[in-house]
C-alpha atoms as a PDB file:
ATOM      1  CA  UNK A   1      -4.536 -42.165   0.837  1.00  0.00           C
ATOM      2  CA  UNK A   2      -3.513 -39.693  -1.352  1.00  0.00           C
ATOM      3  CA  UNK A   3      -6.359 -37.379  -2.852  1.00  0.00           C
ATOM      4  CA  UNK A   4      -6.385 -36.690  -6.913  1.00  0.00           C
ATOM      5  CA  UNK A   5      -6.083 -32.471  -6.777  1.00  0.00           C
ATOM      6  CA  UNK A   6      -9.169 -31.629  -9.053  1.00  0.00           C
ATOM      7  CA  UNK A   7      -9.655 -28.376  -8.188  1.00  0.00           C
ATOM      8  CA  UNK A   8      -8.197 -26.424 -11.390  1.00  0.00           C
ATOM      9  CA  UNK A   9     -10.911 -29.277 -13.387  1.00  0.00           C
ATOM     10  CA  UNK A  10     -13.851 -28.046 -11.067  1.00  0.00           C
ATOM     11  CA  UNK A  11     -13.504 -24.170 -11.783  1.00  0.00           C
ATOM     12  CA  UNK A  12     -13.126 -24.193 -15.351  1.00  0.00           C
ATOM     13  CA  UNK A  13     -16.379 -22.454 -15.494  1.00  0.00           C
ATOM     14  CA  UNK A  14     -14.951 -20.199 -13.009  1.00  0.00           C
ATOM     15  CA  UNK A  15     -11.973 -19.475 -13.631  1.00  0.00           C
ATOM     16  CA  UNK A  16     -12.628 -16.222 -16.314  1.00  0.00           C
ATOM     17  CA  UNK A  17     -14.622 -14.080 -13.820  1.00  0.00           C
ATOM     18  CA  UNK A  18     -13.772 -11.072 -12.221  1.00  0.00           C
ATOM     19  CA  UNK A  19     -14.101 -11.108  -8.506  1.00  0.00           C
ATOM     20  CA  UNK A  20     -17.356  -8.414  -9.396  1.00  0.00           C
ATOM     21  CA  UNK A  21     -18.921 -11.527 -10.738  1.00  0.00           C
ATOM     22  CA  UNK A  22     -17.747 -14.581  -8.603  1.00  0.00           C
ATOM     23  CA  UNK A  23     -19.389 -11.985  -5.835  1.00  0.00           C
ATOM     24  CA  UNK A  24     -22.923 -11.026  -7.442  1.00  0.00           C
ATOM     25  CA  UNK A  25     -22.680 -15.419  -8.608  1.00  0.00           C
ATOM     26  CA  UNK A  26     -22.079 -16.297  -5.056  1.00  0.00           C
ATOM     27  CA  UNK A  27     -25.205 -13.760  -3.905  1.00  0.00           C
ATOM     28  CA  UNK A  28     -26.556 -15.787  -6.278  1.00  0.00           C
ATOM     29  CA  UNK A  29     -26.099 -19.256  -5.542  1.00  0.00           C
ATOM     30  CA  UNK A  30     -26.807 -18.106  -1.827  1.00  0.00           C
ATOM     31  CA  UNK A  31     -30.222 -16.759  -2.944  1.00  0.00           C
ATOM     32  CA  UNK A  32     -31.510 -19.736  -5.100  1.00  0.00           C
ATOM     33  CA  UNK A  33     -30.478 -21.928  -1.243  1.00  0.00           C
ATOM     34  CA  UNK A  34     -32.061 -19.457   1.064  1.00  0.00           C
ATOM     35  CA  UNK A  35     -35.492 -17.800  -1.019  1.00  0.00           C
ATOM     36  CA  UNK A  36     -37.035 -21.304  -0.862  1.00  0.00           C
ATOM     37  CA  UNK A  37     -36.312 -22.010   2.957  1.00  0.00           C
ATOM     38  CA  UNK A  38     -37.481 -18.040   3.545  1.00  0.00           C
ATOM     39  CA  UNK A  39     -40.746 -18.703   1.515  1.00  0.00           C
ATOM     40  CA  UNK A  40     -41.405 -22.020   3.366  1.00  0.00           C
ATOM     41  CA  UNK A  41     -41.202 -19.472   6.638  1.00  0.00           C
ATOM     42  CA  UNK A  42     -43.835 -17.018   5.008  1.00  0.00           C
ATOM     43  CA  UNK A  43     -46.421 -20.299   4.466  1.00  0.00           C
ATOM     44  CA  UNK A  44     -45.963 -22.201   7.014  1.00  0.00           C
ATOM     45  CA  UNK A  45     -45.409 -20.398   9.590  1.00  0.00           C
ATOM     46  CA  UNK A  46     -48.657 -20.173  12.456  1.00  0.00           C
ATOM     47  CA  UNK A  47     -50.087 -17.684  15.403  1.00  0.00           C
ATOM     48  CA  UNK A  48     -48.251 -20.446  17.716  1.00  0.00           C
ATOM     49  CA  UNK A  49     -44.874 -20.363  16.135  1.00  0.00           C
ATOM     50  CA  UNK A  50     -45.445 -16.368  16.283  1.00  0.00           C
ATOM     51  CA  UNK A  51     -46.902 -15.883  19.827  1.00  0.00           C
ATOM     52  CA  UNK A  52     -43.026 -18.609  20.636  1.00  0.00           C
ATOM     53  CA  UNK A  53     -40.552 -15.482  18.727  1.00  0.00           C
ATOM     54  CA  UNK A  54     -42.178 -12.575  20.068  1.00  0.00           C
ATOM     55  CA  UNK A  55     -41.659 -14.129  24.101  1.00  0.00           C
ATOM     56  CA  UNK A  56     -38.117 -15.568  23.098  1.00  0.00           C
ATOM     57  CA  UNK A  57     -37.510 -11.662  21.908  1.00  0.00           C
ATOM     58  CA  UNK A  58     -38.399 -10.732  25.759  1.00  0.00           C
ATOM     59  CA  UNK A  59     -42.822  -9.903  25.250  1.00  0.00           C
ATOM     60  CA  UNK A  60     -45.317 -10.371  27.834  1.00  0.00           C
ATOM     61  CA  UNK A  61     -47.581 -13.234  27.067  1.00  0.00           C
ATOM     62  CA  UNK A  62     -50.144 -11.062  27.023  1.00  0.00           C
ATOM     63  CA  UNK A  63     -48.804  -9.161  24.557  1.00  0.00           C
ATOM     64  CA  UNK A  64     -48.178 -11.831  22.359  1.00  0.00           C
ATOM     65  CA  UNK A  65     -51.797 -13.170  21.326  1.00  0.00           C
ATOM     66  CA  UNK A  66     -52.660  -9.469  20.708  1.00  0.00           C
ATOM     67  CA  UNK A  67     -49.501  -8.812  18.471  1.00  0.00           C
ATOM     68  CA  UNK A  68     -49.762 -11.944  16.368  1.00  0.00           C
ATOM     69  CA  UNK A  69     -53.439 -11.231  15.533  1.00  0.00           C
ATOM     70  CA  UNK A  70     -52.871  -7.395  14.750  1.00  0.00           C
ATOM     71  CA  UNK A  71     -50.191  -8.582  11.885  1.00  0.00           C
ATOM     72  CA  UNK A  72     -53.188 -11.840  11.186  1.00  0.00           C
ATOM     73  CA  UNK A  73     -55.883  -8.208  10.797  1.00  0.00           C
ATOM     74  CA  UNK A  74     -53.451  -6.487   8.835  1.00  0.00           C
ATOM     75  CA  UNK A  75     -52.165  -9.609   6.015  1.00  0.00           C
ATOM     76  CA  UNK A  76     -48.662  -9.085   8.453  1.00  0.00           C
ATOM     77  CA  UNK A  77     -48.094 -12.260   9.404  1.00  0.00           C
ATOM     78  CA  UNK A  78     -45.924 -13.422   6.772  1.00  0.00           C
ATOM     79  CA  UNK A  79     -43.845 -11.131   7.378  1.00  0.00           C
ATOM     80  CA  UNK A  80     -43.855 -12.831  11.050  1.00  0.00           C
ATOM     81  CA  UNK A  81     -45.139 -10.599  14.181  1.00  0.00           C
ATOM     82  CA  UNK A  82     -41.637 -11.068  15.278  1.00  0.00           C
ATOM     83  CA  UNK A  83     -39.768  -8.441  12.038  1.00  0.00           C
ATOM     84  CA  UNK A  84     -43.207  -6.552  12.962  1.00  0.00           C
ATOM     85  CA  UNK A  85     -42.135  -5.303  15.693  1.00  0.00           C
ATOM     86  CA  UNK A  86     -38.306  -5.488  14.749  1.00  0.00           C
ATOM     87  CA  UNK A  87     -39.015  -2.749  11.776  1.00  0.00           C
ATOM     88  CA  UNK A  88     -41.322  -0.819  14.544  1.00  0.00           C
ATOM     89  CA  UNK A  89     -38.492  -0.705  17.208  1.00  0.00           C
ATOM     90  CA  UNK A  90     -36.090   0.620  14.388  1.00  0.00           C
ATOM     91  CA  UNK A  91     -38.306   3.101  13.034  1.00  0.00           C
ATOM     92  CA  UNK A  92     -39.525   4.709  16.479  1.00  0.00           C
ATOM     93  CA  UNK A  93     -35.601   4.796  17.832  1.00  0.00           C
ATOM     94  CA  UNK A  94     -37.183   2.452  20.698  1.00  0.00           C
ATOM     95  CA  UNK A  95     -36.987  -0.626  22.500  1.00  0.00           C
ATOM     96  CA  UNK A  96     -38.120  -3.981  20.943  1.00  0.00           C
ATOM     97  CA  UNK A  97     -39.998  -3.771  24.075  1.00  0.00           C
ATOM     98  CA  UNK A  98     -41.490  -1.217  23.759  1.00  0.00           C
ATOM     99  CA  UNK A  99     -42.216  -1.299  20.724  1.00  0.00           C
ATOM    100  CA  UNK A 100     -44.359  -4.714  21.808  1.00  0.00           C
ATOM    101  CA  UNK A 101     -46.034  -2.863  24.612  1.00  0.00           C
ATOM    102  CA  UNK A 102     -46.777  -0.310  21.760  1.00  0.00           C
ATOM    103  CA  UNK A 103     -48.423  -2.830  19.506  1.00  0.00           C
ATOM    104  CA  UNK A 104     -50.461  -4.542  21.876  1.00  0.00           C
ATOM    105  CA  UNK A 105     -52.195  -1.556  23.086  1.00  0.00           C
ATOM    106  CA  UNK A 106     -52.714  -1.346  19.413  1.00  0.00           C
ATOM    107  CA  UNK A 107     -50.683   1.794  18.252  1.00  0.00           C
ATOM    108  CA  UNK A 108     -47.943   2.342  15.568  1.00  0.00           C
ATOM    109  CA  UNK A 109     -50.251  -0.708  13.298  1.00  0.00           C
ATOM    110  CA  UNK A 110     -50.511   2.413  10.645  1.00  0.00           C
ATOM    111  CA  UNK A 111     -46.410   2.967  11.016  1.00  0.00           C
ATOM    112  CA  UNK A 112     -46.024  -1.162  10.848  1.00  0.00           C
ATOM    113  CA  UNK A 113     -48.407  -1.876   7.517  1.00  0.00           C
ATOM    114  CA  UNK A 114     -46.631   1.631   5.751  1.00  0.00           C
ATOM    115  CA  UNK A 115     -43.063  -0.326   6.470  1.00  0.00           C
ATOM    116  CA  UNK A 116     -43.705  -3.301   4.615  1.00  0.00           C
ATOM    117  CA  UNK A 117     -46.391  -2.040   1.620  1.00  0.00           C
ATOM    118  CA  UNK A 118     -42.748  -2.170  -0.797  1.00  0.00           C
ATOM    119  CA  UNK A 119     -42.678  -6.375   0.856  1.00  0.00           C
ATOM    120  CA  UNK A 120     -39.395  -6.315   2.967  1.00  0.00           C
END
């Protein structure tokens, strides 16, 4: 059985696009697929899920509760507790574990809030 080649027909709507336009179209379409998934994650995460993420990042179980509570108190849960720890570790040039321990001790929370002030 031979497949009919319909590539030329299917590509007509993009045939005249430049490489830059194709690149932009690709990322626009990708965003249409990924953005709803990210929104689901932001709206449907739970403290339990966030603690599980932190545990897999190497943060102790005692510290995960404190970090998740800190994220909830500061309305950062929509960004993900792991993301908060990651951003703090990068901002302070420390390991993820060190950032987690510091956040659990109550340090760097003002910095964490400032890092997400733009919504990212």
